[in-house]
N, C-alpha and C. Protein backbone atom coordinates (compact mmCIF):
# COMPACT_ATOMS: atom_id res chain seq x y z
N UNK A 1 0.72 -1.16 -0.21
CA UNK A 1 0.02 0.09 0.03
C UNK A 1 0.75 1.38 0.04
N UNK A 2 0.74 2.36 -0.81
CA UNK A 2 1.08 3.65 -0.77
C UNK A 2 -0.20 4.48 -0.43
N UNK A 3 0.20 5.27 0.57
CA UNK A 3 -0.91 6.31 1.18
C UNK A 3 -0.31 7.59 1.23
N UNK A 4 -0.75 8.65 0.34
CA UNK A 4 -0.34 9.73 0.23
C UNK A 4 -1.10 11.03 0.97
N UNK A 5 -2.02 10.63 1.96
CA UNK A 5 -2.74 11.46 2.65
C UNK A 5 -2.84 11.17 4.04
N UNK A 6 -2.30 11.60 5.06
CA UNK A 6 -2.30 11.24 6.33
C UNK A 6 -2.16 12.48 7.11
N UNK A 7 -2.46 12.08 8.64
CA UNK A 7 -2.33 13.30 9.64
C UNK A 7 -1.87 12.73 10.77
N UNK A 8 -1.23 13.50 11.40
CA UNK A 8 -0.57 13.40 12.79
C UNK A 8 -0.99 14.29 13.78
N UNK A 9 -0.43 14.35 14.95
CA UNK A 9 -0.68 15.49 16.17
C UNK A 9 -0.25 16.62 15.63
N UNK A 10 0.55 16.97 14.40
CA UNK A 10 0.83 18.15 14.15
C UNK A 10 -0.41 18.82 13.68
N UNK A 11 -1.61 18.18 13.39
CA UNK A 11 -2.63 18.91 13.08
C UNK A 11 -3.75 18.24 13.80
N UNK A 12 -4.80 17.50 13.20
CA UNK A 12 -5.67 16.75 14.05
C UNK A 12 -5.73 15.24 14.05
N UNK A 13 -4.54 14.70 13.86
CA UNK A 13 -4.34 13.07 13.97
C UNK A 13 -4.07 12.96 15.37
N UNK A 14 -4.05 11.32 15.57
CA UNK A 14 -3.66 11.00 16.98
C UNK A 14 -2.16 10.56 17.24
N UNK A 15 -1.52 10.54 16.48
CA UNK A 15 -0.02 10.08 16.26
C UNK A 15 0.92 10.95 16.04
N UNK A 16 2.19 10.64 16.87
CA UNK A 16 3.36 11.47 16.13
C UNK A 16 3.65 10.95 14.94
N UNK A 17 4.46 11.73 14.19
CA UNK A 17 4.82 11.02 12.69
C UNK A 17 5.41 9.66 12.76
N UNK A 18 6.61 9.49 13.68
CA UNK A 18 7.05 7.93 13.83
C UNK A 18 6.16 6.92 14.35
N UNK A 19 5.05 7.31 15.13
CA UNK A 19 4.01 6.32 15.35
C UNK A 19 3.47 5.60 14.45
N UNK A 20 2.73 6.64 13.41
CA UNK A 20 2.00 6.51 12.51
C UNK A 20 3.03 5.70 11.29
N UNK A 21 4.27 6.20 10.87
CA UNK A 21 4.74 5.49 10.16
C UNK A 21 5.07 4.03 10.38
N UNK A 22 5.49 3.84 11.54
CA UNK A 22 5.78 2.50 12.27
C UNK A 22 4.36 1.55 11.76
N UNK A 23 3.50 2.05 12.47
CA UNK A 23 2.22 1.16 12.17
C UNK A 23 1.97 1.00 10.73
N UNK A 24 2.48 1.86 9.69
CA UNK A 24 2.09 1.72 8.30
C UNK A 24 3.21 0.60 7.98
N UNK A 25 4.42 0.78 8.21
CA UNK A 25 5.27 -0.39 8.09
C UNK A 25 5.10 -1.72 8.32
N UNK A 26 4.60 -1.71 9.59
CA UNK A 26 4.26 -2.93 10.06
C UNK A 26 2.92 -3.59 8.96
N UNK A 27 2.18 -2.94 8.73
CA UNK A 27 1.06 -3.26 7.92
C UNK A 27 1.42 -3.68 6.48
N UNK A 28 2.74 -3.47 6.07
CA UNK A 28 3.27 -3.49 4.88
C UNK A 28 3.31 -2.53 3.77
N UNK A 29 2.97 -1.27 4.43
CA UNK A 29 3.16 0.02 3.45
C UNK A 29 4.54 0.11 3.02
N UNK A 30 4.61 0.51 1.72
CA UNK A 30 6.00 0.71 1.00
C UNK A 30 6.31 2.47 0.99
N UNK A 31 5.49 3.10 0.98
CA UNK A 31 5.47 4.61 1.30
C UNK A 31 4.18 5.18 1.90
N UNK A 32 4.63 6.48 2.54
CA UNK A 32 3.38 7.08 3.21
C UNK A 32 3.83 8.57 3.21
N UNK A 33 2.89 9.41 3.09
CA UNK A 33 2.94 10.91 2.94
C UNK A 33 2.46 11.29 4.35
N UNK A 34 3.06 12.37 4.90
CA UNK A 34 2.57 12.77 6.04
C UNK A 34 2.10 14.34 5.50
N UNK A 35 0.69 14.44 5.75
CA UNK A 35 0.20 16.01 5.08
C UNK A 35 -0.88 16.41 5.80
N UNK A 36 -0.10 17.05 7.10
CA UNK A 36 -1.13 17.68 7.90
C UNK A 36 -1.80 18.85 7.39
N UNK A 37 -3.00 19.57 8.16
CA UNK A 37 -3.55 20.51 7.72
C UNK A 37 -2.76 21.58 7.94
N UNK A 38 -3.01 22.53 6.85
CA UNK A 38 -2.10 23.81 7.04
C UNK A 38 -2.87 25.05 6.62
N UNK A 39 -2.62 26.21 6.96
CA UNK A 39 -3.18 27.52 6.69
C UNK A 39 -2.08 28.37 6.88
N UNK A 40 -2.08 29.77 6.49
CA UNK A 40 -1.16 30.57 6.73
C UNK A 40 -0.59 30.71 7.89
N UNK A 41 -1.09 30.13 8.94
CA UNK A 41 -0.88 30.38 10.45
C UNK A 41 0.05 29.29 10.81
N UNK A 42 0.30 28.06 10.17
CA UNK A 42 1.27 27.06 10.50
C UNK A 42 2.08 26.49 9.80
N UNK A 43 1.83 26.99 8.61
CA UNK A 43 2.87 26.19 7.28
C UNK A 43 4.22 26.39 7.64
N UNK A 44 4.79 27.30 8.13
CA UNK A 44 6.09 27.41 8.39
C UNK A 44 6.39 26.58 9.88
N UNK A 45 5.56 26.18 10.56
CA UNK A 45 5.69 25.40 11.73
C UNK A 45 5.60 24.03 11.55
N UNK A 46 4.70 23.37 10.76
CA UNK A 46 4.56 21.99 10.69
C UNK A 46 5.60 21.42 9.65
N UNK A 47 5.60 22.13 8.57
CA UNK A 47 6.66 21.38 7.44
C UNK A 47 7.94 21.11 7.97
N UNK A 48 8.77 22.13 8.33
CA UNK A 48 10.06 21.90 8.82
C UNK A 48 9.98 20.60 9.71
N UNK A 49 9.09 20.21 10.59
CA UNK A 49 9.00 19.38 11.62
C UNK A 49 8.75 18.02 11.10
N UNK A 50 7.78 18.02 10.16
CA UNK A 50 7.37 16.92 9.42
C UNK A 50 8.80 16.32 8.69
N UNK A 51 9.41 17.36 8.02
CA UNK A 51 10.65 16.98 7.27
C UNK A 51 11.82 16.33 7.96
N UNK A 52 11.85 16.88 9.22
CA UNK A 52 12.67 16.07 10.45
C UNK A 52 12.38 14.81 10.45
N UNK A 53 11.22 14.47 10.83
CA UNK A 53 10.62 13.46 11.24
C UNK A 53 10.83 12.22 10.15
N UNK A 54 10.62 12.83 8.85
CA UNK A 54 10.62 11.81 7.48
C UNK A 54 12.48 11.53 7.33
N UNK A 55 13.21 12.38 7.73
CA UNK A 55 14.34 12.42 7.35
C UNK A 55 15.09 11.17 8.29
N UNK A 56 14.58 11.44 9.66
CA UNK A 56 15.03 10.23 10.66
C UNK A 56 14.67 8.85 9.99
N UNK A 57 13.39 8.74 9.71
CA UNK A 57 12.44 7.55 9.65
C UNK A 57 13.12 6.81 7.98
N UNK A 58 13.45 7.81 7.22
CA UNK A 58 14.02 7.37 5.84
C UNK A 58 15.26 6.73 5.75
N UNK A 59 16.21 6.95 6.84
CA UNK A 59 17.64 6.55 7.07
C UNK A 59 17.60 5.32 7.86
N UNK A 60 16.42 4.98 8.72
CA UNK A 60 16.55 3.73 9.57
C UNK A 60 15.36 2.86 9.13
N UNK A 61 14.21 3.13 8.57
CA UNK A 61 13.35 2.19 8.06
C UNK A 61 13.08 1.68 6.74
N UNK A 62 12.56 0.56 6.55
CA UNK A 62 12.36 0.30 4.91
C UNK A 62 10.82 0.63 4.57
N UNK A 63 10.82 1.88 4.57
CA UNK A 63 9.44 2.63 4.03
C UNK A 63 9.93 3.87 3.55
N UNK A 64 9.32 4.67 2.60
CA UNK A 64 9.63 5.98 2.19
C UNK A 64 8.48 6.88 3.02
N UNK A 65 8.95 7.71 3.88
CA UNK A 65 8.19 8.82 4.41
C UNK A 65 8.37 10.01 3.71
N UNK A 66 7.19 10.49 3.32
CA UNK A 66 7.26 11.87 2.37
C UNK A 66 6.52 12.96 3.14
N UNK A 67 7.36 14.17 3.39
CA UNK A 67 6.80 15.17 4.03
C UNK A 67 5.86 16.05 2.84
N UNK A 68 4.60 16.28 3.41
CA UNK A 68 3.70 17.39 2.56
C UNK A 68 2.73 18.13 3.44
N UNK A 69 1.71 18.28 2.87
CA UNK A 69 1.01 19.04 3.29
C UNK A 69 -0.25 19.28 3.01
N UNK A 70 -1.41 19.50 3.64
CA UNK A 70 -2.90 19.73 3.04
C UNK A 70 -3.48 20.99 3.43
N UNK A 71 -3.68 21.92 2.35
CA UNK A 71 -4.09 23.15 2.79
C UNK A 71 -5.64 22.92 2.83
N UNK A 72 -6.07 23.70 3.91
CA UNK A 72 -7.30 23.22 4.40
C UNK A 72 -8.10 24.51 4.86
N UNK A 73 -9.53 24.61 4.14
CA UNK A 73 -10.69 25.52 4.29
C UNK A 73 -9.82 26.83 4.33
N UNK A 74 -8.92 27.13 3.50
CA UNK A 74 -8.49 28.54 3.28
C UNK A 74 -9.24 29.37 2.12
N UNK A 75 -8.86 30.59 2.18
CA UNK A 75 -9.55 31.46 1.04
C UNK A 75 -9.02 30.75 -0.67
N UNK A 76 -10.00 30.62 -1.26
CA UNK A 76 -9.35 30.08 -2.87
C UNK A 76 -8.40 30.88 -3.08
N UNK A 77 -8.60 32.19 -2.99
CA UNK A 77 -7.48 33.05 -3.60
C UNK A 77 -6.06 32.87 -2.88
N UNK A 78 -6.09 32.38 -2.10
CA UNK A 78 -4.68 32.26 -1.34
C UNK A 78 -3.87 30.80 -1.65
N UNK A 79 -4.86 30.00 -2.40
CA UNK A 79 -4.23 28.50 -2.53
C UNK A 79 -2.74 28.65 -3.18
N UNK A 80 -2.84 29.43 -4.45
CA UNK A 80 -1.54 29.53 -5.34
C UNK A 80 -0.55 29.93 -4.44
N UNK A 81 -0.65 30.96 -3.72
CA UNK A 81 0.59 31.45 -2.80
C UNK A 81 0.89 30.60 -1.94
N UNK A 82 -0.04 29.93 -1.35
CA UNK A 82 0.55 28.92 -0.17
C UNK A 82 1.26 27.73 -0.73
N UNK A 83 0.43 27.45 -1.78
CA UNK A 83 1.29 26.08 -2.53
C UNK A 83 2.55 26.61 -2.62
N UNK A 84 3.07 27.40 -3.31
CA UNK A 84 4.32 27.85 -3.54
C UNK A 84 5.08 27.90 -2.38
N UNK A 85 4.48 28.63 -1.25
CA UNK A 85 5.05 28.69 -0.06
C UNK A 85 5.68 27.48 0.56
N UNK A 86 4.52 26.43 0.64
CA UNK A 86 4.59 25.04 1.08
C UNK A 86 5.88 24.41 0.31
N UNK A 87 5.91 24.50 -0.97
CA UNK A 87 6.98 23.86 -1.66
C UNK A 87 8.44 24.62 -1.12
N UNK A 88 8.44 25.93 -1.08
CA UNK A 88 9.56 26.54 -0.57
C UNK A 88 10.10 26.07 0.82
N UNK A 89 9.07 25.65 1.70
CA UNK A 89 9.44 25.09 2.90
C UNK A 89 9.85 23.76 3.15
N UNK A 90 9.80 23.19 1.58
CA UNK A 90 10.12 21.60 1.63
C UNK A 90 9.06 20.60 1.30
N UNK A 91 8.10 21.10 1.57
CA UNK A 91 6.93 20.01 1.27
C UNK A 91 7.00 19.29 -0.01
N UNK A 92 7.06 18.10 -0.43
CA UNK A 92 7.43 17.22 -1.36
C UNK A 92 5.98 17.16 -1.96
N UNK A 93 4.97 17.18 -1.18
CA UNK A 93 3.54 16.88 -1.72
C UNK A 93 2.77 18.03 -1.26
N UNK A 94 1.69 18.41 -2.28
CA UNK A 94 0.75 19.70 -1.46
C UNK A 94 -0.57 19.02 -2.08
N UNK A 95 -1.39 18.78 -1.03
CA UNK A 95 -2.74 18.71 -1.19
C UNK A 95 -3.58 19.93 -0.96
N UNK A 96 -4.79 19.76 -1.47
CA UNK A 96 -5.68 20.84 -1.10
C UNK A 96 -7.20 20.14 -0.61
N UNK A 97 -7.34 20.21 0.33
CA UNK A 97 -8.90 19.82 1.07
C UNK A 97 -10.02 20.16 -0.06
N UNK A 98 -10.12 19.20 -0.64
CA UNK A 98 -11.33 19.44 -1.63
C UNK A 98 -12.80 20.03 -1.07
N UNK A 99 -13.82 20.00 -1.91
CA UNK A 99 -15.03 20.75 -1.62
C UNK A 99 -15.82 19.42 -1.33
N UNK A 100 -15.41 18.45 -0.15
CA UNK A 100 -16.25 17.30 0.19
C UNK A 100 -17.74 17.88 0.82
N UNK A 101 -18.70 17.03 0.48
CA UNK A 101 -19.89 17.24 0.83
C UNK A 101 -20.36 17.33 2.41
N UNK A 102 -19.24 16.87 3.15
CA UNK A 102 -19.65 16.74 4.71
C UNK A 102 -19.05 17.86 5.50
N UNK A 103 -18.39 18.76 4.81
CA UNK A 103 -17.97 20.05 5.39
C UNK A 103 -18.23 21.34 4.54
N UNK A 104 -17.90 22.47 5.38
CA UNK A 104 -18.11 23.80 4.66
C UNK A 104 -17.33 24.13 3.85
N UNK A 105 -16.83 23.49 2.86
CA UNK A 105 -15.49 24.08 2.24
C UNK A 105 -15.99 25.35 1.27
N UNK A 106 -15.24 25.88 0.99
CA UNK A 106 -15.64 27.32 0.23
C UNK A 106 -15.65 27.07 -1.14
N UNK A 107 -16.85 27.18 -1.77
CA UNK A 107 -17.03 26.95 -3.30
C UNK A 107 -15.90 27.82 -4.09
N UNK A 108 -15.34 27.00 -5.07
CA UNK A 108 -14.20 27.54 -5.86
C UNK A 108 -12.74 26.88 -5.38
N UNK A 109 -12.77 26.13 -4.14
CA UNK A 109 -11.59 25.81 -3.86
C UNK A 109 -11.07 24.48 -4.64
N UNK A 110 -12.07 23.83 -5.45
CA UNK A 110 -11.54 23.10 -6.12
C UNK A 110 -10.73 23.38 -7.19
N UNK A 111 -11.35 24.45 -7.94
CA UNK A 111 -11.06 25.19 -9.16
C UNK A 111 -9.40 25.87 -8.93
N UNK A 112 -9.60 26.68 -7.84
CA UNK A 112 -8.32 27.25 -7.46
C UNK A 112 -7.03 26.19 -7.10
N UNK A 113 -7.51 25.13 -6.46
CA UNK A 113 -6.39 24.07 -6.16
C UNK A 113 -5.78 23.49 -7.56
N UNK A 114 -6.86 23.17 -8.53
CA UNK A 114 -6.20 22.56 -9.86
C UNK A 114 -5.25 23.69 -10.82
N UNK A 115 -5.75 24.99 -10.57
CA UNK A 115 -5.21 26.06 -11.12
C UNK A 115 -3.84 26.54 -10.58
N UNK A 116 -3.85 26.15 -9.28
CA UNK A 116 -2.62 26.28 -8.58
C UNK A 116 -1.46 25.11 -8.86
N UNK A 117 -1.94 23.93 -9.44
CA UNK A 117 -0.96 22.88 -9.70
C UNK A 117 -0.77 22.14 -8.46
N UNK A 118 -1.38 21.89 -7.65
CA UNK A 118 -1.33 21.24 -6.50
C UNK A 118 -0.99 19.58 -7.24
N UNK A 119 -0.62 18.89 -6.28
CA UNK A 119 -0.29 17.25 -6.59
C UNK A 119 -1.60 16.56 -6.44
N UNK A 120 -2.11 16.74 -5.48
CA UNK A 120 -3.56 15.91 -5.49
C UNK A 120 -4.63 16.69 -4.90
N UNK A 121 -5.78 16.74 -5.30
CA UNK A 121 -7.02 17.40 -4.85
C UNK A 121 -7.79 16.12 -4.11
N UNK A 122 -7.73 16.43 -2.75
CA UNK A 122 -8.34 15.46 -1.85
C UNK A 122 -9.82 15.73 -1.83
N UNK A 123 -10.67 14.39 -1.87
CA UNK A 123 -11.94 14.21 -1.71
C UNK A 123 -12.64 15.67 -2.29
N UNK A 124 -12.59 15.52 -3.42
CA UNK A 124 -13.31 16.65 -4.42
C UNK A 124 -15.00 16.88 -4.34
N UNK A 125 -15.37 16.07 -3.72
CA UNK A 125 -17.14 16.02 -3.36
C UNK A 125 -17.47 15.79 -4.94
N UNK A 126 -18.83 16.64 -5.41
CA UNK A 126 -19.53 16.84 -6.66
C UNK A 126 -18.71 17.82 -7.51
N UNK A 127 -17.34 17.54 -7.76
CA UNK A 127 -16.36 18.13 -8.53
C UNK A 127 -17.07 18.61 -9.90
N UNK A 128 -17.15 19.74 -10.10
CA UNK A 128 -17.65 20.47 -11.69
C UNK A 128 -16.81 19.76 -12.68
N UNK A 129 -17.84 19.66 -14.08
CA UNK A 129 -17.18 18.84 -14.88
C UNK A 129 -16.26 19.72 -15.91
N UNK A 130 -16.09 20.87 -15.71
CA UNK A 130 -15.15 21.85 -16.08
C UNK A 130 -13.91 21.59 -15.22
N UNK A 131 -14.19 21.48 -14.10
CA UNK A 131 -12.88 21.39 -13.27
C UNK A 131 -12.29 20.14 -13.53
N UNK A 132 -13.10 18.86 -13.52
CA UNK A 132 -12.47 17.68 -13.92
C UNK A 132 -11.58 17.71 -15.34
N UNK A 133 -12.36 18.36 -16.31
CA UNK A 133 -11.42 18.49 -17.41
C UNK A 133 -10.09 19.18 -17.43
N UNK A 134 -10.10 20.35 -16.38
CA UNK A 134 -8.93 20.95 -16.27
C UNK A 134 -7.82 20.17 -15.25
N UNK A 135 -8.25 19.52 -14.46
CA UNK A 135 -7.63 18.59 -13.59
C UNK A 135 -6.89 17.48 -14.60
N UNK A 136 -7.61 17.04 -15.81
CA UNK A 136 -7.15 16.00 -16.59
C UNK A 136 -5.83 16.83 -17.43
N UNK A 137 -6.18 17.83 -17.80
CA UNK A 137 -5.09 18.91 -18.69
C UNK A 137 -4.07 19.18 -17.81
N UNK A 138 -4.24 19.46 -16.54
CA UNK A 138 -2.84 19.80 -15.93
C UNK A 138 -2.43 18.70 -15.14
N UNK A 139 -3.09 17.19 -14.93
CA UNK A 139 -2.33 16.35 -14.73
C UNK A 139 -2.39 16.14 -13.19
N UNK A 140 -3.56 16.75 -12.64
CA UNK A 140 -3.80 16.76 -11.17
C UNK A 140 -4.56 15.29 -10.75
N UNK A 141 -4.26 14.74 -9.87
CA UNK A 141 -4.61 13.49 -9.29
C UNK A 141 -5.92 13.92 -8.44
N UNK A 142 -7.13 13.37 -8.56
CA UNK A 142 -8.10 13.06 -7.89
C UNK A 142 -8.37 11.93 -6.80
N UNK A 143 -8.82 12.47 -5.73
CA UNK A 143 -8.59 11.14 -4.72
C UNK A 143 -10.05 10.59 -4.51
N UNK A 144 -9.67 9.07 -4.43
CA UNK A 144 -10.54 8.23 -3.97
C UNK A 144 -10.31 7.97 -2.65
N UNK A 145 -11.35 8.12 -1.69
CA UNK A 145 -10.56 8.03 -0.25
C UNK A 145 -11.48 6.95 0.52
N UNK A 146 -10.54 6.40 1.62
CA UNK A 146 -11.31 5.19 2.21
C UNK A 146 -11.92 6.00 3.60
N UNK A 147 -11.75 7.24 3.83
CA UNK A 147 -12.31 7.89 4.88
C UNK A 147 -13.83 8.18 5.08
N UNK A 148 -14.31 7.80 6.07
CA UNK A 148 -15.94 7.76 6.32
C UNK A 148 -16.22 9.30 5.95
N UNK A 149 -17.66 9.49 5.46
CA UNK A 149 -17.95 10.87 5.07
C UNK A 149 -17.43 11.39 3.88
N UNK A 150 -16.01 11.43 3.69
CA UNK A 150 -15.74 12.30 2.62
C UNK A 150 -15.72 10.95 1.36
N UNK A 151 -16.02 9.75 1.89
CA UNK A 151 -16.07 8.70 0.73
C UNK A 151 -17.65 8.82 0.12
N UNK A 152 -18.39 9.80 0.68
CA UNK A 152 -19.93 9.73 0.15
C UNK A 152 -19.87 9.80 -1.51
N UNK A 153 -19.08 10.65 -1.83
CA UNK A 153 -19.15 10.97 -3.26
C UNK A 153 -17.58 10.37 -4.14
N UNK A 154 -17.38 9.02 -3.32
CA UNK A 154 -16.32 8.39 -4.34
C UNK A 154 -16.85 8.00 -5.75
N UNK A 155 -18.31 7.52 -5.65
CA UNK A 155 -18.69 6.92 -6.85
C UNK A 155 -18.86 7.97 -8.05
N UNK A 156 -19.32 9.16 -7.56
CA UNK A 156 -19.31 10.04 -8.38
C UNK A 156 -18.13 10.58 -9.18
N UNK A 157 -17.09 10.80 -8.19
CA UNK A 157 -15.76 11.21 -8.71
C UNK A 157 -15.05 10.10 -9.72
N UNK A 158 -15.25 9.00 -9.28
CA UNK A 158 -14.80 8.01 -10.12
C UNK A 158 -15.45 7.80 -11.50
N UNK A 159 -16.91 7.67 -11.31
CA UNK A 159 -17.48 7.81 -12.44
C UNK A 159 -17.18 8.91 -13.67
N UNK A 160 -17.10 10.07 -13.01
CA UNK A 160 -16.77 11.09 -14.06
C UNK A 160 -15.43 11.55 -14.53
N UNK A 161 -14.65 11.01 -13.82
CA UNK A 161 -13.16 10.80 -14.03
C UNK A 161 -13.10 9.91 -15.05
N UNK A 162 -13.56 8.83 -14.92
CA UNK A 162 -13.24 7.75 -15.73
C UNK A 162 -13.95 7.94 -17.28
N UNK A 163 -14.91 8.78 -17.42
CA UNK A 163 -15.25 9.12 -18.43
C UNK A 163 -14.61 10.03 -19.40
N UNK A 164 -13.63 10.78 -18.72
CA UNK A 164 -12.67 11.60 -19.51
C UNK A 164 -11.35 11.33 -19.43
N UNK A 165 -11.19 10.35 -18.61
CA UNK A 165 -9.69 9.89 -18.34
C UNK A 165 -8.64 10.52 -17.32
N UNK A 166 -9.29 11.35 -16.49
CA UNK A 166 -8.75 12.06 -15.36
C UNK A 166 -8.04 11.23 -14.44
N UNK A 167 -6.95 11.31 -13.80
CA UNK A 167 -6.26 10.44 -13.15
C UNK A 167 -6.91 10.57 -11.72
N UNK A 168 -6.82 9.42 -11.08
CA UNK A 168 -7.55 8.99 -9.91
C UNK A 168 -6.34 8.44 -8.94
N UNK A 169 -6.41 8.45 -7.72
CA UNK A 169 -5.61 7.98 -6.50
C UNK A 169 -6.33 7.46 -5.40
N UNK A 170 -5.83 6.61 -4.69
CA UNK A 170 -6.71 6.07 -3.61
C UNK A 170 -5.78 6.45 -2.33
N UNK A 171 -6.45 7.21 -1.29
CA UNK A 171 -5.50 7.43 -0.06
C UNK A 171 -6.65 7.06 1.13
N UNK A 172 -6.03 7.08 2.27
CA UNK A 172 -6.98 6.72 3.43
C UNK A 172 -7.57 8.00 4.34
N UNK A 173 -6.44 9.19 3.99
CA UNK A 173 -6.84 10.38 5.01
C UNK A 173 -6.79 10.19 6.54
N UNK A 174 -6.06 9.16 6.80
CA UNK A 174 -5.69 8.84 8.27
C UNK A 174 -5.54 9.80 9.27
N UNK A 175 -6.40 9.68 10.36
CA UNK A 175 -6.26 10.70 11.42
C UNK A 175 -5.89 9.53 12.65
N UNK A 176 -6.42 8.32 12.71
CA UNK A 176 -6.45 7.48 13.83
C UNK A 176 -5.73 6.08 13.24
N UNK A 177 -5.12 5.35 14.12
CA UNK A 177 -4.22 4.22 13.85
C UNK A 177 -5.17 3.22 13.32
N UNK A 178 -6.52 3.09 13.51
CA UNK A 178 -7.41 2.22 12.74
C UNK A 178 -8.03 2.53 11.31
N UNK A 179 -7.49 3.74 10.81
CA UNK A 179 -7.72 4.11 9.51
C UNK A 179 -6.73 3.71 8.52
N UNK A 180 -5.80 3.25 8.90
CA UNK A 180 -4.86 2.48 7.62
C UNK A 180 -5.35 1.46 7.22
N UNK A 181 -5.38 1.33 5.78
CA UNK A 181 -5.85 -0.13 5.39
C UNK A 181 -4.72 -0.60 4.61
N UNK A 182 -5.21 -2.04 4.33
CA UNK A 182 -4.49 -2.72 3.44
C UNK A 182 -4.68 -2.64 1.80
N UNK A 183 -4.00 -3.06 1.28
CA UNK A 183 -4.12 -3.10 -0.32
C UNK A 183 -5.62 -3.51 -0.66
N UNK A 184 -5.87 -4.86 0.04
CA UNK A 184 -7.06 -5.58 -0.35
C UNK A 184 -8.31 -4.47 -0.01
N UNK A 185 -8.35 -3.99 1.30
CA UNK A 185 -9.45 -3.08 1.66
C UNK A 185 -9.47 -1.85 0.66
N UNK A 186 -8.28 -1.35 0.32
CA UNK A 186 -8.43 -0.26 -0.57
C UNK A 186 -8.92 -0.87 -2.15
N UNK A 187 -8.26 -2.20 -2.30
CA UNK A 187 -9.30 -2.60 -3.65
C UNK A 187 -10.85 -2.59 -3.45
N UNK A 188 -11.30 -3.21 -2.15
CA UNK A 188 -12.80 -3.15 -2.21
C UNK A 188 -13.36 -1.91 -2.32
N UNK A 189 -12.68 -0.58 -1.71
CA UNK A 189 -13.21 0.68 -1.94
C UNK A 189 -13.50 1.07 -3.25
N UNK A 190 -12.33 0.83 -3.84
CA UNK A 190 -12.29 1.00 -5.53
C UNK A 190 -13.55 0.51 -6.30
N UNK A 191 -13.67 -0.83 -5.83
CA UNK A 191 -14.74 -1.59 -6.41
C UNK A 191 -15.99 -0.78 -6.04
N UNK A 192 -16.13 -0.57 -4.76
CA UNK A 192 -17.37 -0.10 -4.42
C UNK A 192 -17.53 1.35 -4.94
N UNK A 193 -16.86 2.10 -5.28
CA UNK A 193 -16.89 3.34 -6.02
C UNK A 193 -16.94 3.10 -7.66
N UNK A 194 -17.52 1.83 -8.05
CA UNK A 194 -17.63 1.28 -9.51
C UNK A 194 -16.60 1.26 -10.27
N UNK A 195 -15.29 1.10 -9.72
CA UNK A 195 -13.79 1.12 -10.72
C UNK A 195 -13.88 -0.47 -11.11
N UNK A 196 -13.90 -0.66 -12.26
CA UNK A 196 -13.58 -1.86 -12.58
C UNK A 196 -12.25 -2.65 -12.40
N UNK A 197 -12.03 -3.64 -12.13
CA UNK A 197 -10.95 -4.62 -11.73
C UNK A 197 -9.62 -4.18 -12.58
N UNK A 198 -10.05 -4.15 -14.24
CA UNK A 198 -8.99 -3.76 -14.87
C UNK A 198 -8.51 -2.44 -14.75
N UNK A 199 -9.02 -1.38 -13.89
CA UNK A 199 -8.46 -0.05 -13.85
C UNK A 199 -7.79 -0.02 -12.30
N UNK A 200 -8.10 -0.86 -11.60
CA UNK A 200 -7.40 -0.77 -10.25
C UNK A 200 -6.01 -0.79 -10.33
N UNK A 201 -5.62 -1.46 -11.01
CA UNK A 201 -3.70 -1.68 -11.23
C UNK A 201 -3.48 -0.23 -11.53
N UNK A 202 -4.03 0.62 -12.64
CA UNK A 202 -3.53 1.65 -13.13
C UNK A 202 -3.84 2.85 -11.68
N UNK A 203 -4.68 2.54 -11.04
CA UNK A 203 -4.83 3.64 -9.64
C UNK A 203 -3.89 3.48 -9.08
N UNK A 204 -3.37 2.25 -8.45
CA UNK A 204 -2.22 1.91 -7.67
C UNK A 204 -1.19 2.53 -8.29
N UNK A 205 -0.97 2.15 -9.46
CA UNK A 205 0.42 2.65 -10.20
C UNK A 205 0.53 4.31 -10.40
N UNK A 206 -0.65 4.62 -9.97
CA UNK A 206 -0.45 6.31 -9.96
C UNK A 206 0.33 6.75 -8.87
N UNK A 207 -0.07 6.08 -7.67
CA UNK A 207 0.64 6.22 -6.39
C UNK A 207 2.10 6.23 -6.55
N UNK A 208 2.48 4.85 -7.31
CA UNK A 208 4.14 4.46 -7.49
C UNK A 208 4.49 5.85 -8.35
N UNK A 209 3.68 6.17 -9.32
CA UNK A 209 4.40 7.23 -10.14
C UNK A 209 4.94 8.50 -9.50
N UNK A 210 3.91 8.73 -8.59
CA UNK A 210 4.02 10.23 -7.66
C UNK A 210 5.39 9.91 -6.83
N UNK A 211 5.50 8.60 -6.15
CA UNK A 211 6.51 8.30 -5.42
C UNK A 211 7.93 8.25 -5.83
N UNK A 212 7.92 7.65 -7.05
CA UNK A 212 9.14 7.72 -8.09
C UNK A 212 9.80 9.05 -8.35
N UNK A 213 8.75 9.83 -8.67
CA UNK A 213 9.39 11.33 -8.85
C UNK A 213 9.86 12.15 -7.84
N UNK A 214 9.37 11.73 -6.49
CA UNK A 214 9.65 12.54 -5.30
C UNK A 214 11.11 12.12 -4.97
């Protein structure tokens, strides 16, 4: 399993980075990104600390730990600047908290994230078809999630993305130890979203491609 969307106690997760990655390693993960929630108030605080933890882990354990960030509930017109700041601070992956239907995300967040060139648009909800086309054009990965609530629109995201060939990825959005999943469970979630077995390998490979280029 490769998981590119997780949280630690640097935002609203339950575990230290090393605790989270250790559990993932024991479960057979080959790579994991730590992508704590951030806005303008804490970006400079959390990214360097996540980087430090990942550096220690990568020198000692047989798992690739990737420092990242999830820009969350921020004004859409600030997404591009904060994406650039996150990268300057050393984040190797930038996610944006998309327009999930279970939280009051500001309309226009999906479009602003795609235009900013983030790596992954997390749980994009009932994403507009024009935004889907732009995501395909810019090579932005759209997330299928195993997380309760955010997963309500997995079927819609999968169906619309497959129609036009937009790139999909599966993540856990883990906050608690029990949120981590196996490859088998991730496959069941993809199947539940209406994704045929023949395309599942491609989605898993999308995660591998991201890790390779980091």
